[in-house]
Amino acid sequence: MSKVTIAGDANGTGVFTIAAPNGNTNRTLVLPDEAGTVLTSASSIPAANLTGTVVQTNVPAFRAFRPTTQNPSRYTWTKVTLSSETFDTDSSFDSTTDYRFTPTIAGYYHFNAFGAATGSPPEAYVAVRQNNAGVITAWFNASGVNQWTGAISGLLYANGTTDYFELFVYTAAASPAFSSLSFSGVLVRAA
């Protein structure tokens, strides 16, 4: 029969207590048949070095879109009023007032945006702005006569408190019409 020995540290002065939880079910703690350290919730070992499945919860992710066409003025950057959401896992996208994503967790976010436009002459842009400053911008590519599509993708850092992200469009076209406008993002790594 194997034995369990609890050995104290001659240099330590603290008292190590093993306490049973307040439960009504019998439990068995099985120690591994190898030398090493038993991990606790306070361990600093990266989750990638552990075996099994590590589930990440509360990851902010959103997808917002505009269900109707938006007709901005020429020669000016115009914020897209993304009034509908497919999902918003952290309730961080405002689809009623500011039409912006304000993440509450500091880290690196991947953003995507898409749109289509019509008008003449053929010139249109789409941009993701952080704190009202353009950080990711793309020119729309022609998909037909006076028709264009544009998509952008990029990774940006958010501080989790004051940073916010919005979708803007720009055109030199007369009577422009933007459609299929969507904006999405997800936290890929916490800071």
N, C-alpha and C. Protein backbone atom coordinates (compact mmCIF):
# COMPACT_ATOMS: atom_id res chain seq x y z
N MET A 1 0.84 -1.17 0.00
CA MET A 1 0.00 0.00 0.00
C MET A 1 0.89 1.24 0.00
N SER A 2 0.59 2.18 -0.92
CA SER A 2 1.32 3.45 -0.96
C SER A 2 0.97 4.28 0.24
N LYS A 3 1.88 5.16 0.61
CA LYS A 3 1.67 6.04 1.76
C LYS A 3 1.77 7.49 1.33
N VAL A 4 1.15 8.37 2.07
CA VAL A 4 1.24 9.81 1.85
C VAL A 4 1.98 10.40 3.03
N THR A 5 3.04 11.16 2.73
CA THR A 5 3.82 11.81 3.78
C THR A 5 3.73 13.31 3.58
N ILE A 6 3.44 14.02 4.63
CA ILE A 6 3.44 15.48 4.57
C ILE A 6 4.70 15.94 5.30
N ALA A 7 5.60 16.60 4.56
CA ALA A 7 6.87 17.02 5.13
C ALA A 7 6.90 18.54 5.23
N GLY A 8 7.21 19.05 6.39
CA GLY A 8 7.32 20.48 6.60
C GLY A 8 8.65 21.01 6.09
N ASP A 9 8.76 22.33 5.94
CA ASP A 9 10.00 22.98 5.52
C ASP A 9 10.67 23.54 6.77
N ALA A 10 11.91 23.16 7.00
CA ALA A 10 12.63 23.57 8.21
C ALA A 10 12.84 25.08 8.28
N ASN A 11 12.84 25.77 7.13
CA ASN A 11 13.09 27.21 7.11
C ASN A 11 11.82 28.03 7.23
N GLY A 12 10.67 27.40 7.01
CA GLY A 12 9.41 28.15 7.02
C GLY A 12 8.86 28.33 8.42
N THR A 13 8.05 29.38 8.59
CA THR A 13 7.43 29.64 9.88
C THR A 13 5.90 29.61 9.78
N GLY A 14 5.36 29.54 8.57
CA GLY A 14 3.91 29.54 8.40
C GLY A 14 3.31 28.18 8.67
N VAL A 15 2.01 28.16 8.86
CA VAL A 15 1.27 26.92 9.08
C VAL A 15 0.50 26.61 7.81
N PHE A 16 0.69 25.43 7.26
CA PHE A 16 0.01 24.97 6.06
C PHE A 16 -1.18 24.13 6.50
N THR A 17 -2.38 24.57 6.13
CA THR A 17 -3.59 23.88 6.56
C THR A 17 -4.27 23.25 5.36
N ILE A 18 -4.67 22.01 5.46
CA ILE A 18 -5.47 21.35 4.44
C ILE A 18 -6.89 21.32 4.99
N ALA A 19 -7.79 22.00 4.29
CA ALA A 19 -9.15 22.14 4.78
C ALA A 19 -10.13 21.48 3.82
N ALA A 20 -11.13 20.82 4.34
CA ALA A 20 -12.18 20.22 3.53
C ALA A 20 -13.23 21.28 3.22
N PRO A 21 -13.81 21.23 1.99
CA PRO A 21 -14.88 22.19 1.68
C PRO A 21 -16.17 21.81 2.41
N ASN A 22 -17.10 22.75 2.44
CA ASN A 22 -18.40 22.51 3.05
C ASN A 22 -19.27 21.79 2.02
N GLY A 23 -19.18 20.47 1.98
CA GLY A 23 -19.92 19.70 1.00
C GLY A 23 -20.50 18.44 1.61
N ASN A 24 -21.43 17.84 0.90
CA ASN A 24 -22.09 16.63 1.38
C ASN A 24 -21.77 15.41 0.51
N THR A 25 -20.79 15.55 -0.39
CA THR A 25 -20.41 14.46 -1.28
C THR A 25 -18.99 14.04 -0.99
N ASN A 26 -18.75 12.74 -0.96
CA ASN A 26 -17.39 12.23 -0.77
C ASN A 26 -16.57 12.50 -2.03
N ARG A 27 -15.36 12.98 -1.86
CA ARG A 27 -14.47 13.28 -2.99
C ARG A 27 -13.13 12.61 -2.75
N THR A 28 -12.44 12.28 -3.83
CA THR A 28 -11.11 11.70 -3.74
C THR A 28 -10.16 12.54 -4.58
N LEU A 29 -9.09 13.00 -3.99
CA LEU A 29 -8.05 13.74 -4.69
C LEU A 29 -6.95 12.74 -5.02
N VAL A 30 -6.69 12.53 -6.30
CA VAL A 30 -5.67 11.57 -6.72
C VAL A 30 -4.45 12.34 -7.18
N LEU A 31 -3.32 12.08 -6.55
CA LEU A 31 -2.07 12.73 -6.91
C LEU A 31 -1.45 11.99 -8.09
N PRO A 32 -0.74 12.70 -8.96
CA PRO A 32 -0.11 12.04 -10.12
C PRO A 32 1.03 11.14 -9.67
N ASP A 33 1.28 10.09 -10.43
CA ASP A 33 2.36 9.15 -10.12
C ASP A 33 3.64 9.63 -10.78
N GLU A 34 4.06 10.83 -10.41
CA GLU A 34 5.29 11.42 -10.93
C GLU A 34 5.70 12.57 -10.03
N ALA A 35 6.95 12.94 -10.11
CA ALA A 35 7.45 14.07 -9.33
C ALA A 35 7.02 15.36 -10.02
N GLY A 36 6.81 16.40 -9.26
CA GLY A 36 6.42 17.68 -9.84
C GLY A 36 5.65 18.51 -8.85
N THR A 37 5.09 19.61 -9.35
CA THR A 37 4.35 20.54 -8.52
C THR A 37 2.88 20.47 -8.88
N VAL A 38 2.02 20.40 -7.90
CA VAL A 38 0.58 20.43 -8.13
C VAL A 38 0.18 21.89 -8.34
N LEU A 39 -0.53 22.18 -9.43
CA LEU A 39 -0.92 23.55 -9.75
C LEU A 39 -2.15 23.97 -8.97
N THR A 40 -2.20 25.27 -8.71
CA THR A 40 -3.39 25.86 -8.07
C THR A 40 -3.91 26.97 -8.98
N SER A 41 -5.01 27.58 -8.59
CA SER A 41 -5.55 28.69 -9.39
C SER A 41 -4.62 29.90 -9.36
N ALA A 42 -3.65 29.95 -8.44
CA ALA A 42 -2.70 31.06 -8.36
C ALA A 42 -1.43 30.79 -9.16
N SER A 43 -1.37 29.71 -9.90
CA SER A 43 -0.18 29.35 -10.65
C SER A 43 0.13 30.37 -11.73
N SER A 44 1.40 30.60 -12.01
CA SER A 44 1.81 31.53 -13.07
C SER A 44 2.20 30.79 -14.34
N ILE A 45 1.97 29.49 -14.39
CA ILE A 45 2.31 28.72 -15.59
C ILE A 45 1.29 29.05 -16.68
N PRO A 46 1.74 29.36 -17.89
CA PRO A 46 0.81 29.71 -18.98
C PRO A 46 -0.15 28.57 -19.28
N ALA A 47 -1.38 28.94 -19.60
CA ALA A 47 -2.40 27.93 -19.90
C ALA A 47 -1.99 27.04 -21.08
N ALA A 48 -1.17 27.58 -22.01
CA ALA A 48 -0.74 26.79 -23.16
C ALA A 48 0.12 25.60 -22.76
N ASN A 49 0.72 25.64 -21.58
CA ASN A 49 1.56 24.54 -21.12
C ASN A 49 0.76 23.47 -20.37
N LEU A 50 -0.53 23.68 -20.21
CA LEU A 50 -1.37 22.71 -19.53
C LEU A 50 -2.04 21.80 -20.57
N THR A 51 -2.43 20.63 -20.15
CA THR A 51 -3.15 19.74 -21.07
C THR A 51 -4.64 19.87 -20.81
N GLY A 52 -5.44 19.42 -21.74
CA GLY A 52 -6.88 19.52 -21.60
C GLY A 52 -7.40 20.73 -22.35
N THR A 53 -8.63 21.08 -22.11
CA THR A 53 -9.28 22.17 -22.80
C THR A 53 -9.33 23.39 -21.91
N VAL A 54 -8.84 24.51 -22.41
CA VAL A 54 -8.92 25.78 -21.69
C VAL A 54 -9.99 26.61 -22.40
N VAL A 55 -11.02 26.97 -21.69
CA VAL A 55 -12.12 27.72 -22.27
C VAL A 55 -11.98 29.19 -21.90
N GLN A 56 -11.92 30.05 -22.90
CA GLN A 56 -11.83 31.48 -22.65
C GLN A 56 -13.25 32.04 -22.67
N THR A 57 -13.64 32.70 -21.61
CA THR A 57 -14.99 33.24 -21.53
C THR A 57 -14.94 34.76 -21.55
N ASN A 58 -16.09 35.35 -21.76
CA ASN A 58 -16.24 36.80 -21.75
C ASN A 58 -15.31 37.50 -22.75
N VAL A 59 -15.19 36.95 -23.95
CA VAL A 59 -14.38 37.58 -24.99
C VAL A 59 -15.28 38.55 -25.76
N PRO A 60 -14.98 39.84 -25.71
CA PRO A 60 -15.80 40.79 -26.45
C PRO A 60 -15.73 40.54 -27.96
N ALA A 61 -16.88 40.49 -28.58
CA ALA A 61 -17.00 40.35 -30.03
C ALA A 61 -18.31 41.00 -30.45
N PHE A 62 -18.31 41.62 -31.63
CA PHE A 62 -19.53 42.25 -32.12
C PHE A 62 -19.56 42.24 -33.64
N ARG A 63 -20.76 42.37 -34.18
CA ARG A 63 -20.97 42.63 -35.60
C ARG A 63 -22.18 43.54 -35.71
N ALA A 64 -21.93 44.72 -36.26
CA ALA A 64 -23.00 45.70 -36.44
C ALA A 64 -23.11 46.02 -37.92
N PHE A 65 -24.32 46.42 -38.35
CA PHE A 65 -24.52 46.74 -39.76
C PHE A 65 -25.60 47.79 -39.91
N ARG A 66 -25.63 48.35 -41.10
CA ARG A 66 -26.67 49.34 -41.43
C ARG A 66 -27.65 48.64 -42.36
N PRO A 67 -28.92 48.53 -41.96
CA PRO A 67 -29.89 47.78 -42.77
C PRO A 67 -30.38 48.53 -44.01
N THR A 68 -30.10 49.83 -44.08
CA THR A 68 -30.55 50.62 -45.24
C THR A 68 -29.36 51.35 -45.84
N THR A 69 -29.57 51.95 -46.99
CA THR A 69 -28.53 52.71 -47.68
C THR A 69 -28.25 54.01 -46.92
N GLN A 70 -26.97 54.42 -46.91
CA GLN A 70 -26.59 55.71 -46.32
C GLN A 70 -26.07 56.60 -47.43
N ASN A 71 -26.53 57.86 -47.47
CA ASN A 71 -26.17 58.81 -48.51
C ASN A 71 -25.40 59.98 -47.90
N PRO A 72 -24.07 59.84 -47.77
CA PRO A 72 -23.28 60.91 -47.17
C PRO A 72 -23.04 62.08 -48.12
N SER A 73 -22.60 63.19 -47.59
CA SER A 73 -22.23 64.35 -48.41
C SER A 73 -20.90 64.05 -49.10
N ARG A 74 -20.68 64.73 -50.23
CA ARG A 74 -19.41 64.57 -50.95
C ARG A 74 -18.29 65.29 -50.21
N TYR A 75 -17.08 64.78 -50.41
CA TYR A 75 -15.85 65.40 -49.93
C TYR A 75 -15.78 65.54 -48.40
N THR A 76 -16.41 64.66 -47.69
CA THR A 76 -16.34 64.71 -46.23
C THR A 76 -16.41 63.30 -45.66
N TRP A 77 -15.65 63.08 -44.61
CA TRP A 77 -15.73 61.79 -43.92
C TRP A 77 -17.02 61.78 -43.11
N THR A 78 -17.79 60.73 -43.26
CA THR A 78 -19.09 60.61 -42.61
C THR A 78 -19.14 59.33 -41.78
N LYS A 79 -19.57 59.46 -40.53
CA LYS A 79 -19.69 58.27 -39.69
C LYS A 79 -20.89 57.44 -40.15
N VAL A 80 -20.69 56.13 -40.21
CA VAL A 80 -21.77 55.22 -40.60
C VAL A 80 -22.65 54.96 -39.38
N THR A 81 -23.94 55.15 -39.55
CA THR A 81 -24.88 54.90 -38.46
C THR A 81 -25.29 53.43 -38.51
N LEU A 82 -24.51 52.62 -37.81
CA LEU A 82 -24.74 51.17 -37.75
C LEU A 82 -25.79 50.89 -36.69
N SER A 83 -27.04 50.83 -37.10
CA SER A 83 -28.16 50.78 -36.15
C SER A 83 -28.66 49.37 -35.84
N SER A 84 -28.05 48.35 -36.42
CA SER A 84 -28.47 46.97 -36.14
C SER A 84 -27.26 46.14 -35.76
N GLU A 85 -27.51 45.13 -34.93
CA GLU A 85 -26.43 44.25 -34.49
C GLU A 85 -26.80 42.79 -34.76
N THR A 86 -25.83 42.03 -35.25
CA THR A 86 -26.00 40.59 -35.37
C THR A 86 -25.72 39.96 -34.02
N PHE A 87 -24.65 40.42 -33.36
CA PHE A 87 -24.33 39.99 -32.00
C PHE A 87 -23.43 41.04 -31.34
N ASP A 88 -23.43 41.03 -30.02
CA ASP A 88 -22.60 41.93 -29.22
C ASP A 88 -22.41 41.26 -27.87
N THR A 89 -21.39 40.42 -27.75
CA THR A 89 -21.23 39.55 -26.59
C THR A 89 -20.95 40.29 -25.29
N ASP A 90 -20.42 41.50 -25.38
CA ASP A 90 -20.04 42.24 -24.18
C ASP A 90 -20.86 43.52 -24.00
N SER A 91 -21.88 43.68 -24.83
CA SER A 91 -22.71 44.91 -24.81
C SER A 91 -21.85 46.16 -24.90
N SER A 92 -20.83 46.12 -25.76
CA SER A 92 -19.90 47.24 -25.90
C SER A 92 -20.11 48.06 -27.17
N PHE A 93 -21.05 47.62 -28.03
CA PHE A 93 -21.34 48.40 -29.24
C PHE A 93 -22.61 49.18 -29.03
N ASP A 94 -22.55 50.48 -29.27
CA ASP A 94 -23.70 51.37 -29.13
C ASP A 94 -24.35 51.52 -30.50
N SER A 95 -25.50 50.89 -30.71
CA SER A 95 -26.18 50.96 -32.01
C SER A 95 -27.36 51.93 -31.98
N THR A 96 -27.44 52.79 -30.97
CA THR A 96 -28.56 53.72 -30.89
C THR A 96 -28.16 55.19 -30.82
N THR A 97 -26.97 55.50 -30.30
CA THR A 97 -26.59 56.90 -30.11
C THR A 97 -25.30 57.26 -30.82
N ASP A 98 -24.19 56.63 -30.40
CA ASP A 98 -22.87 56.99 -30.93
C ASP A 98 -22.38 56.07 -32.04
N TYR A 99 -23.02 54.91 -32.22
CA TYR A 99 -22.66 53.95 -33.27
C TYR A 99 -21.17 53.62 -33.22
N ARG A 100 -20.73 53.22 -32.01
CA ARG A 100 -19.31 52.94 -31.81
C ARG A 100 -19.12 51.74 -30.89
N PHE A 101 -17.92 51.16 -31.00
CA PHE A 101 -17.52 50.04 -30.15
C PHE A 101 -16.56 50.59 -29.11
N THR A 102 -16.89 50.41 -27.83
CA THR A 102 -16.05 50.86 -26.72
C THR A 102 -15.73 49.65 -25.85
N PRO A 103 -14.63 48.96 -26.15
CA PRO A 103 -14.30 47.75 -25.39
C PRO A 103 -13.94 48.05 -23.94
N THR A 104 -14.32 47.14 -23.05
CA THR A 104 -14.04 47.31 -21.63
C THR A 104 -12.88 46.44 -21.15
N ILE A 105 -12.28 45.71 -22.06
CA ILE A 105 -11.12 44.88 -21.73
C ILE A 105 -9.94 45.37 -22.57
N ALA A 106 -8.83 45.70 -21.91
CA ALA A 106 -7.63 46.15 -22.63
C ALA A 106 -7.05 44.99 -23.41
N GLY A 107 -6.62 45.26 -24.63
CA GLY A 107 -6.00 44.21 -25.42
C GLY A 107 -5.98 44.54 -26.89
N TYR A 108 -5.72 43.52 -27.70
CA TYR A 108 -5.58 43.64 -29.14
C TYR A 108 -6.83 43.10 -29.82
N TYR A 109 -7.44 43.93 -30.64
CA TYR A 109 -8.71 43.61 -31.29
C TYR A 109 -8.51 43.53 -32.80
N HIS A 110 -9.16 42.55 -33.40
CA HIS A 110 -9.14 42.44 -34.87
C HIS A 110 -10.46 42.99 -35.39
N PHE A 111 -10.39 43.93 -36.33
CA PHE A 111 -11.57 44.57 -36.89
C PHE A 111 -11.70 44.26 -38.37
N ASN A 112 -12.94 44.17 -38.83
CA ASN A 112 -13.27 44.00 -40.24
C ASN A 112 -14.38 44.98 -40.58
N ALA A 113 -14.35 45.49 -41.80
CA ALA A 113 -15.43 46.35 -42.26
C ALA A 113 -15.64 46.11 -43.75
N PHE A 114 -16.87 46.29 -44.19
CA PHE A 114 -17.22 46.06 -45.59
C PHE A 114 -18.29 47.04 -46.01
N GLY A 115 -18.28 47.38 -47.29
CA GLY A 115 -19.33 48.23 -47.83
C GLY A 115 -19.34 48.20 -49.35
N ALA A 116 -20.42 48.67 -49.91
CA ALA A 116 -20.57 48.82 -51.36
C ALA A 116 -21.05 50.24 -51.60
N ALA A 117 -20.71 50.80 -52.77
CA ALA A 117 -21.08 52.19 -53.07
C ALA A 117 -21.41 52.35 -54.53
N THR A 118 -22.24 53.35 -54.81
CA THR A 118 -22.54 53.73 -56.19
C THR A 118 -22.45 55.25 -56.29
N GLY A 119 -22.24 55.74 -57.51
CA GLY A 119 -22.14 57.18 -57.75
C GLY A 119 -21.06 57.45 -58.78
N SER A 120 -20.94 58.72 -59.20
CA SER A 120 -19.96 59.10 -60.21
C SER A 120 -19.38 60.46 -59.82
N PRO A 121 -18.07 60.68 -59.91
CA PRO A 121 -17.01 59.77 -60.37
C PRO A 121 -16.74 58.66 -59.35
N PRO A 122 -16.08 57.60 -59.80
CA PRO A 122 -15.85 56.44 -58.92
C PRO A 122 -14.72 56.67 -57.93
N GLU A 123 -15.06 57.20 -56.78
CA GLU A 123 -14.06 57.37 -55.73
C GLU A 123 -14.75 57.23 -54.38
N ALA A 124 -14.31 56.24 -53.60
CA ALA A 124 -14.91 56.01 -52.29
C ALA A 124 -13.89 55.34 -51.38
N TYR A 125 -14.00 55.61 -50.09
CA TYR A 125 -13.11 55.04 -49.08
C TYR A 125 -13.93 54.59 -47.88
N VAL A 126 -13.38 53.64 -47.15
CA VAL A 126 -13.96 53.20 -45.89
C VAL A 126 -12.83 53.20 -44.87
N ALA A 127 -13.14 53.58 -43.63
CA ALA A 127 -12.09 53.68 -42.61
C ALA A 127 -12.62 53.29 -41.24
N VAL A 128 -11.77 52.62 -40.46
CA VAL A 128 -12.03 52.41 -39.04
C VAL A 128 -11.24 53.49 -38.32
N ARG A 129 -11.93 54.24 -37.48
CA ARG A 129 -11.28 55.30 -36.72
C ARG A 129 -11.23 54.93 -35.25
N GLN A 130 -10.09 55.20 -34.63
CA GLN A 130 -9.92 55.00 -33.20
C GLN A 130 -9.87 56.38 -32.56
N ASN A 131 -10.80 56.65 -31.65
CA ASN A 131 -10.88 57.95 -30.97
C ASN A 131 -10.94 59.09 -31.98
N ASN A 132 -11.70 58.89 -33.05
CA ASN A 132 -11.94 59.85 -34.13
C ASN A 132 -10.69 60.19 -34.93
N ALA A 133 -9.73 59.27 -34.97
CA ALA A 133 -8.55 59.44 -35.83
C ALA A 133 -8.45 58.21 -36.72
N GLY A 134 -8.28 58.43 -38.02
CA GLY A 134 -8.22 57.31 -38.97
C GLY A 134 -7.02 56.42 -38.72
N VAL A 135 -7.25 55.13 -38.57
CA VAL A 135 -6.16 54.20 -38.34
C VAL A 135 -6.09 53.08 -39.37
N ILE A 136 -7.23 52.69 -39.95
CA ILE A 136 -7.24 51.70 -41.03
C ILE A 136 -8.14 52.26 -42.12
N THR A 137 -7.59 52.45 -43.31
CA THR A 137 -8.35 53.03 -44.41
C THR A 137 -8.14 52.20 -45.67
N ALA A 138 -9.20 52.07 -46.49
CA ALA A 138 -9.09 51.34 -47.75
C ALA A 138 -9.91 52.05 -48.82
N TRP A 139 -9.39 52.00 -50.03
CA TRP A 139 -10.09 52.56 -51.18
C TRP A 139 -11.01 51.49 -51.73
N PHE A 140 -12.20 51.89 -52.20
CA PHE A 140 -13.14 50.94 -52.79
C PHE A 140 -12.67 50.56 -54.19
N ASN A 141 -12.79 49.30 -54.53
CA ASN A 141 -12.43 48.80 -55.86
C ASN A 141 -13.67 48.76 -56.74
N ALA A 142 -13.49 49.08 -58.01
CA ALA A 142 -14.62 49.07 -58.95
C ALA A 142 -15.12 47.65 -59.16
N SER A 143 -16.44 47.49 -59.06
CA SER A 143 -17.05 46.19 -59.33
C SER A 143 -18.01 46.29 -60.49
N GLY A 144 -18.12 47.46 -61.07
CA GLY A 144 -18.99 47.70 -62.21
C GLY A 144 -18.94 49.18 -62.53
N VAL A 145 -19.72 49.63 -63.50
CA VAL A 145 -19.76 51.04 -63.86
C VAL A 145 -20.37 51.83 -62.70
N ASN A 146 -19.59 52.74 -62.13
CA ASN A 146 -20.01 53.56 -61.00
C ASN A 146 -20.46 52.72 -59.79
N GLN A 147 -19.87 51.55 -59.65
CA GLN A 147 -20.15 50.69 -58.49
C GLN A 147 -18.83 50.21 -57.92
N TRP A 148 -18.71 50.20 -56.58
CA TRP A 148 -17.48 49.79 -55.94
C TRP A 148 -17.77 48.98 -54.69
N THR A 149 -16.81 48.19 -54.30
CA THR A 149 -16.88 47.50 -53.01
C THR A 149 -15.56 47.73 -52.28
N GLY A 150 -15.63 47.77 -50.98
CA GLY A 150 -14.44 47.98 -50.19
C GLY A 150 -14.48 47.16 -48.91
N ALA A 151 -13.33 46.64 -48.52
CA ALA A 151 -13.23 45.86 -47.28
C ALA A 151 -11.90 46.19 -46.62
N ILE A 152 -11.90 46.23 -45.31
CA ILE A 152 -10.67 46.46 -44.57
C ILE A 152 -10.61 45.50 -43.39
N SER A 153 -9.38 45.27 -42.96
CA SER A 153 -9.14 44.37 -41.85
C SER A 153 -7.86 44.83 -41.15
N GLY A 154 -7.84 44.75 -39.84
CA GLY A 154 -6.63 45.17 -39.13
C GLY A 154 -6.70 44.88 -37.65
N LEU A 155 -5.53 44.90 -37.03
CA LEU A 155 -5.39 44.63 -35.60
C LEU A 155 -5.01 45.93 -34.89
N LEU A 156 -5.78 46.29 -33.85
CA LEU A 156 -5.55 47.53 -33.13
C LEU A 156 -5.58 47.28 -31.63
N TYR A 157 -4.86 48.11 -30.89
CA TYR A 157 -4.83 48.00 -29.43
C TYR A 157 -5.88 48.94 -28.84
N ALA A 158 -6.59 48.47 -27.80
CA ALA A 158 -7.54 49.29 -27.06
C ALA A 158 -7.18 49.24 -25.59
N ASN A 159 -7.26 50.38 -24.91
CA ASN A 159 -6.87 50.44 -23.51
C ASN A 159 -7.94 49.90 -22.55
N GLY A 160 -9.15 49.62 -23.04
CA GLY A 160 -10.19 49.04 -22.21
C GLY A 160 -10.97 50.02 -21.36
N THR A 161 -10.64 51.31 -21.48
CA THR A 161 -11.37 52.31 -20.69
C THR A 161 -11.90 53.45 -21.55
N THR A 162 -11.03 54.13 -22.29
CA THR A 162 -11.47 55.31 -23.03
C THR A 162 -11.42 55.17 -24.55
N ASP A 163 -10.74 54.16 -25.07
CA ASP A 163 -10.65 54.00 -26.53
C ASP A 163 -11.99 53.56 -27.11
N TYR A 164 -12.31 54.09 -28.29
CA TYR A 164 -13.52 53.67 -29.00
C TYR A 164 -13.21 53.61 -30.50
N PHE A 165 -14.04 52.85 -31.23
CA PHE A 165 -13.82 52.59 -32.65
C PHE A 165 -15.11 52.82 -33.42
N GLU A 166 -15.00 53.49 -34.58
CA GLU A 166 -16.15 53.81 -35.40
C GLU A 166 -15.84 53.55 -36.86
N LEU A 167 -16.89 53.40 -37.67
CA LEU A 167 -16.74 53.19 -39.10
C LEU A 167 -17.13 54.47 -39.84
N PHE A 168 -16.25 54.90 -40.77
CA PHE A 168 -16.50 56.11 -41.57
C PHE A 168 -16.39 55.79 -43.05
N VAL A 169 -17.07 56.60 -43.88
CA VAL A 169 -16.95 56.50 -45.33
C VAL A 169 -16.67 57.89 -45.90
N TYR A 170 -16.08 57.90 -47.09
CA TYR A 170 -15.75 59.15 -47.79
C TYR A 170 -15.97 58.91 -49.28
N THR A 171 -16.45 59.94 -49.98
CA THR A 171 -16.60 59.83 -51.43
C THR A 171 -16.53 61.20 -52.09
N ALA A 172 -16.09 61.19 -53.34
CA ALA A 172 -16.11 62.39 -54.16
C ALA A 172 -17.25 62.31 -55.17
N ALA A 173 -18.01 61.23 -55.10
CA ALA A 173 -19.09 61.00 -56.06
C ALA A 173 -20.29 61.91 -55.80
N ALA A 174 -20.95 62.29 -56.88
CA ALA A 174 -22.21 63.02 -56.76
C ALA A 174 -23.31 62.01 -56.44
N SER A 175 -24.22 62.37 -55.58
CA SER A 175 -25.33 61.51 -55.17
C SER A 175 -24.85 60.11 -54.79
N PRO A 176 -23.91 60.01 -53.83
CA PRO A 176 -23.39 58.70 -53.46
C PRO A 176 -24.41 57.90 -52.65
N ALA A 177 -24.29 56.59 -52.75
CA ALA A 177 -25.14 55.70 -51.95
C ALA A 177 -24.27 54.55 -51.48
N PHE A 178 -24.18 54.39 -50.17
CA PHE A 178 -23.42 53.29 -49.57
C PHE A 178 -24.42 52.24 -49.06
N SER A 179 -24.13 50.98 -49.34
CA SER A 179 -25.01 49.90 -48.88
C SER A 179 -24.15 48.75 -48.35
N SER A 180 -24.81 47.78 -47.76
CA SER A 180 -24.15 46.58 -47.21
C SER A 180 -23.03 46.94 -46.24
N LEU A 181 -23.19 48.04 -45.52
CA LEU A 181 -22.15 48.47 -44.60
C LEU A 181 -22.18 47.64 -43.32
N SER A 182 -21.02 47.06 -42.97
CA SER A 182 -20.95 46.27 -41.74
C SER A 182 -19.58 46.49 -41.09
N PHE A 183 -19.55 46.27 -39.77
CA PHE A 183 -18.35 46.51 -38.98
C PHE A 183 -18.34 45.45 -37.88
N SER A 184 -17.22 44.75 -37.73
CA SER A 184 -17.14 43.70 -36.70
C SER A 184 -15.75 43.73 -36.05
N GLY A 185 -15.69 43.15 -34.85
CA GLY A 185 -14.42 43.08 -34.14
C GLY A 185 -14.47 42.04 -33.05
N VAL A 186 -13.27 41.57 -32.66
CA VAL A 186 -13.17 40.56 -31.61
C VAL A 186 -11.83 40.74 -30.89
N LEU A 187 -11.84 40.51 -29.60
CA LEU A 187 -10.60 40.52 -28.81
C LEU A 187 -9.81 39.26 -29.14
N VAL A 188 -8.56 39.43 -29.59
CA VAL A 188 -7.74 38.26 -29.89
C VAL A 188 -6.70 37.98 -28.81
N ARG A 189 -6.35 39.00 -28.03
CA ARG A 189 -5.40 38.80 -26.94
C ARG A 189 -5.54 39.94 -25.93
N ALA A 190 -5.80 39.60 -24.70
CA ALA A 190 -5.89 40.60 -23.64
C ALA A 190 -4.50 41.15 -23.34
N ALA A 191 -4.44 42.40 -22.88
CA ALA A 191 -3.16 43.04 -22.59
C ALA A 191 -2.59 42.51 -21.30
